[in-house]
């Protein structure tokens, strides 16, 4: 399995904890092969064990980036929660992390792999 460094800092706040828990709950939509590794990665991330230098499986990182993008689209870019500034701020944070992942890993396939698609 090919791995790359995570490559970014990921800040955890109430929004991030809640959404990462949601990513875990929705992981049932993933293939068995990816699901277990993705949930392990998310658990490590919420436990603050993932650093920019942490090696991550490419398919897991692609799924994570795609989920960040999907959540940012809903909570920030599409305006569904304009009357809830905490959600908009969280979506904006996720969008920033997604863009940073794309910058650090320009060859990875993000967005089209969202577990919500």
C-alpha atoms as a PDB file:
ATOM      1  CA  UNK A   1       0.000   0.000   0.000  1.00  0.00           C
ATOM      2  CA  UNK A   2       1.474   3.335  -1.058  1.00  0.00           C
ATOM      3  CA  UNK A   3       1.759   5.903   1.726  1.00  0.00           C
ATOM      4  CA  UNK A   4       2.465   9.637   1.836  1.00  0.00           C
ATOM      5  CA  UNK A   5       3.049  12.078   4.665  1.00  0.00           C
ATOM      6  CA  UNK A   6      -0.179  13.643   5.919  1.00  0.00           C
ATOM      7  CA  UNK A   7       1.471  16.973   5.178  1.00  0.00           C
ATOM      8  CA  UNK A   8      -0.793  19.433   7.038  1.00  0.00           C
ATOM      9  CA  UNK A   9      -1.712  20.516  10.525  1.00  0.00           C
ATOM     10  CA  UNK A  10      -5.291  19.738  11.452  1.00  0.00           C
ATOM     11  CA  UNK A  11      -6.902  21.762  14.224  1.00  0.00           C
ATOM     12  CA  UNK A  12      -9.526  20.044  16.333  1.00  0.00           C
ATOM     13  CA  UNK A  13     -12.441  22.030  17.710  1.00  0.00           C
ATOM     14  CA  UNK A  14     -16.048  21.092  18.513  1.00  0.00           C
ATOM     15  CA  UNK A  15     -17.046  21.289  14.845  1.00  0.00           C
ATOM     16  CA  UNK A  16     -14.140  19.093  13.743  1.00  0.00           C
ATOM     17  CA  UNK A  17     -14.776  16.471  16.424  1.00  0.00           C
ATOM     18  CA  UNK A  18     -18.465  16.274  15.492  1.00  0.00           C
ATOM     19  CA  UNK A  19     -17.815  16.042  11.756  1.00  0.00           C
ATOM     20  CA  UNK A  20     -15.008  13.505  12.102  1.00  0.00           C
ATOM     21  CA  UNK A  21     -17.387  11.393  14.183  1.00  0.00           C
ATOM     22  CA  UNK A  22     -19.876  11.773  11.339  1.00  0.00           C
ATOM     23  CA  UNK A  23     -17.219  10.624   8.852  1.00  0.00           C
ATOM     24  CA  UNK A  24     -16.769   7.500  10.998  1.00  0.00           C
ATOM     25  CA  UNK A  25     -20.514   6.842  11.141  1.00  0.00           C
ATOM     26  CA  UNK A  26     -20.773   7.161   7.364  1.00  0.00           C
ATOM     27  CA  UNK A  27     -17.748   4.952   6.673  1.00  0.00           C
ATOM     28  CA  UNK A  28     -20.110   2.007   6.161  1.00  0.00           C
ATOM     29  CA  UNK A  29     -20.487   3.331   2.604  1.00  0.00           C
ATOM     30  CA  UNK A  30     -16.834   2.513   1.890  1.00  0.00           C
ATOM     31  CA  UNK A  31     -15.394  -0.754   0.627  1.00  0.00           C
ATOM     32  CA  UNK A  32     -14.350  -3.070   3.443  1.00  0.00           C
ATOM     33  CA  UNK A  33     -10.704  -2.725   2.433  1.00  0.00           C
ATOM     34  CA  UNK A  34     -10.692   1.045   2.916  1.00  0.00           C
ATOM     35  CA  UNK A  35     -13.262   1.327   5.730  1.00  0.00           C
ATOM     36  CA  UNK A  36     -11.152  -0.160   8.517  1.00  0.00           C
ATOM     37  CA  UNK A  37      -8.039   1.832   7.648  1.00  0.00           C
ATOM     38  CA  UNK A  38     -10.072   5.040   7.237  1.00  0.00           C
ATOM     39  CA  UNK A  39     -11.767   4.656  10.621  1.00  0.00           C
ATOM     40  CA  UNK A  40      -8.391   3.921  12.232  1.00  0.00           C
ATOM     41  CA  UNK A  41      -6.986   7.089  10.643  1.00  0.00           C
ATOM     42  CA  UNK A  42      -9.954   9.191  11.825  1.00  0.00           C
ATOM     43  CA  UNK A  43      -9.655   7.799  15.347  1.00  0.00           C
ATOM     44  CA  UNK A  44      -5.947   8.623  15.377  1.00  0.00           C
ATOM     45  CA  UNK A  45      -6.707  12.114  14.071  1.00  0.00           C
ATOM     46  CA  UNK A  46      -9.291  12.790  16.782  1.00  0.00           C
ATOM     47  CA  UNK A  47      -6.821  11.466  19.364  1.00  0.00           C
ATOM     48  CA  UNK A  48      -4.257  14.003  18.123  1.00  0.00           C
ATOM     49  CA  UNK A  49      -1.889  11.243  17.022  1.00  0.00           C
ATOM     50  CA  UNK A  50      -1.654  12.400  13.393  1.00  0.00           C
ATOM     51  CA  UNK A  51       1.059  14.945  12.649  1.00  0.00           C
ATOM     52  CA  UNK A  52       2.137  16.423   9.299  1.00  0.00           C
ATOM     53  CA  UNK A  53       4.900  13.792   9.162  1.00  0.00           C
ATOM     54  CA  UNK A  54       2.535  10.844   9.805  1.00  0.00           C
ATOM     55  CA  UNK A  55       2.428   8.356   6.928  1.00  0.00           C
ATOM     56  CA  UNK A  56      -1.096   7.771   5.595  1.00  0.00           C
ATOM     57  CA  UNK A  57      -2.318   5.320   2.968  1.00  0.00           C
ATOM     58  CA  UNK A  58      -3.004   7.189  -0.274  1.00  0.00           C
ATOM     59  CA  UNK A  59      -6.565   5.885  -0.642  1.00  0.00           C
ATOM     60  CA  UNK A  60      -7.348   6.843   2.963  1.00  0.00           C
ATOM     61  CA  UNK A  61      -5.995  10.355   2.429  1.00  0.00           C
ATOM     62  CA  UNK A  62      -7.950  10.712  -0.814  1.00  0.00           C
ATOM     63  CA  UNK A  63     -11.129   9.683   0.987  1.00  0.00           C
ATOM     64  CA  UNK A  64     -10.430  12.091   3.833  1.00  0.00           C
ATOM     65  CA  UNK A  65      -9.760  15.005   1.484  1.00  0.00           C
ATOM     66  CA  UNK A  66     -12.919  14.221  -0.436  1.00  0.00           C
ATOM     67  CA  UNK A  67     -14.954  14.132   2.759  1.00  0.00           C
ATOM     68  CA  UNK A  68     -13.478  17.472   3.842  1.00  0.00           C
ATOM     69  CA  UNK A  69     -14.460  18.949   0.483  1.00  0.00           C
ATOM     70  CA  UNK A  70     -17.968  17.502   0.660  1.00  0.00           C
ATOM     71  CA  UNK A  71     -18.556  18.892   4.161  1.00  0.00           C
ATOM     72  CA  UNK A  72     -17.125  22.283   3.159  1.00  0.00           C
ATOM     73  CA  UNK A  73     -19.448  22.414   0.158  1.00  0.00           C
ATOM     74  CA  UNK A  74     -22.509  21.805   2.336  1.00  0.00           C
ATOM     75  CA  UNK A  75     -21.577  23.854   5.408  1.00  0.00           C
ATOM     76  CA  UNK A  76     -19.719  26.757   3.784  1.00  0.00           C
ATOM     77  CA  UNK A  77     -19.795  27.112   0.020  1.00  0.00           C
ATOM     78  CA  UNK A  78     -23.426  26.283  -0.772  1.00  0.00           C
ATOM     79  CA  UNK A  79     -24.921  28.573   1.886  1.00  0.00           C
ATOM     80  CA  UNK A  80     -27.138  25.988   3.571  1.00  0.00           C
ATOM     81  CA  UNK A  81     -26.178  27.223   7.039  1.00  0.00           C
ATOM     82  CA  UNK A  82     -25.786  30.961   6.553  1.00  0.00           C
ATOM     83  CA  UNK A  83     -27.874  31.520   9.690  1.00  0.00           C
ATOM     84  CA  UNK A  84     -25.512  29.334  11.785  1.00  0.00           C
ATOM     85  CA  UNK A  85     -22.097  31.044  11.925  1.00  0.00           C
ATOM     86  CA  UNK A  86     -20.382  28.229  13.861  1.00  0.00           C
ATOM     87  CA  UNK A  87     -21.225  25.731  11.127  1.00  0.00           C
ATOM     88  CA  UNK A  88     -20.154  28.139   8.391  1.00  0.00           C
ATOM     89  CA  UNK A  89     -16.858  28.775  10.216  1.00  0.00           C
ATOM     90  CA  UNK A  90     -16.290  25.027  10.558  1.00  0.00           C
ATOM     91  CA  UNK A  91     -17.044  24.462   6.889  1.00  0.00           C
ATOM     92  CA  UNK A  92     -14.641  27.250   6.000  1.00  0.00           C
ATOM     93  CA  UNK A  93     -11.950  25.629   8.160  1.00  0.00           C
ATOM     94  CA  UNK A  94     -12.523  22.266   6.431  1.00  0.00           C
ATOM     95  CA  UNK A  95     -12.361  23.968   3.044  1.00  0.00           C
ATOM     96  CA  UNK A  96      -9.010  25.516   3.968  1.00  0.00           C
ATOM     97  CA  UNK A  97      -7.645  22.134   5.058  1.00  0.00           C
ATOM     98  CA  UNK A  98      -8.939  20.542   1.856  1.00  0.00           C
ATOM     99  CA  UNK A  99      -7.221  23.203  -0.266  1.00  0.00           C
ATOM    100  CA  UNK A 100      -3.996  22.730   1.694  1.00  0.00           C
ATOM    101  CA  UNK A 101      -4.143  18.959   1.138  1.00  0.00           C
ATOM    102  CA  UNK A 102      -4.589  19.587  -2.600  1.00  0.00           C
ATOM    103  CA  UNK A 103      -1.601  21.942  -2.549  1.00  0.00           C
ATOM    104  CA  UNK A 104       0.620  19.489  -0.667  1.00  0.00           C
ATOM    105  CA  UNK A 105      -0.583  16.459  -2.660  1.00  0.00           C
ATOM    106  CA  UNK A 106      -1.423  17.748  -6.179  1.00  0.00           C
ATOM    107  CA  UNK A 107      -1.389  14.283  -7.755  1.00  0.00           C
ATOM    108  CA  UNK A 108      -3.933  12.690  -5.417  1.00  0.00           C
ATOM    109  CA  UNK A 109      -7.535  12.193  -6.547  1.00  0.00           C
ATOM    110  CA  UNK A 110      -9.797  14.188  -4.242  1.00  0.00           C
ATOM    111  CA  UNK A 111     -13.478  15.194  -4.450  1.00  0.00           C
ATOM    112  CA  UNK A 112     -14.786  12.436  -6.660  1.00  0.00           C
ATOM    113  CA  UNK A 113     -14.226   9.830  -3.925  1.00  0.00           C
ATOM    114  CA  UNK A 114     -16.454  11.238  -1.171  1.00  0.00           C
ATOM    115  CA  UNK A 115     -18.120   8.503   0.840  1.00  0.00           C
ATOM    116  CA  UNK A 116     -21.318  10.569   0.554  1.00  0.00           C
ATOM    117  CA  UNK A 117     -21.362  10.506  -3.251  1.00  0.00           C
END
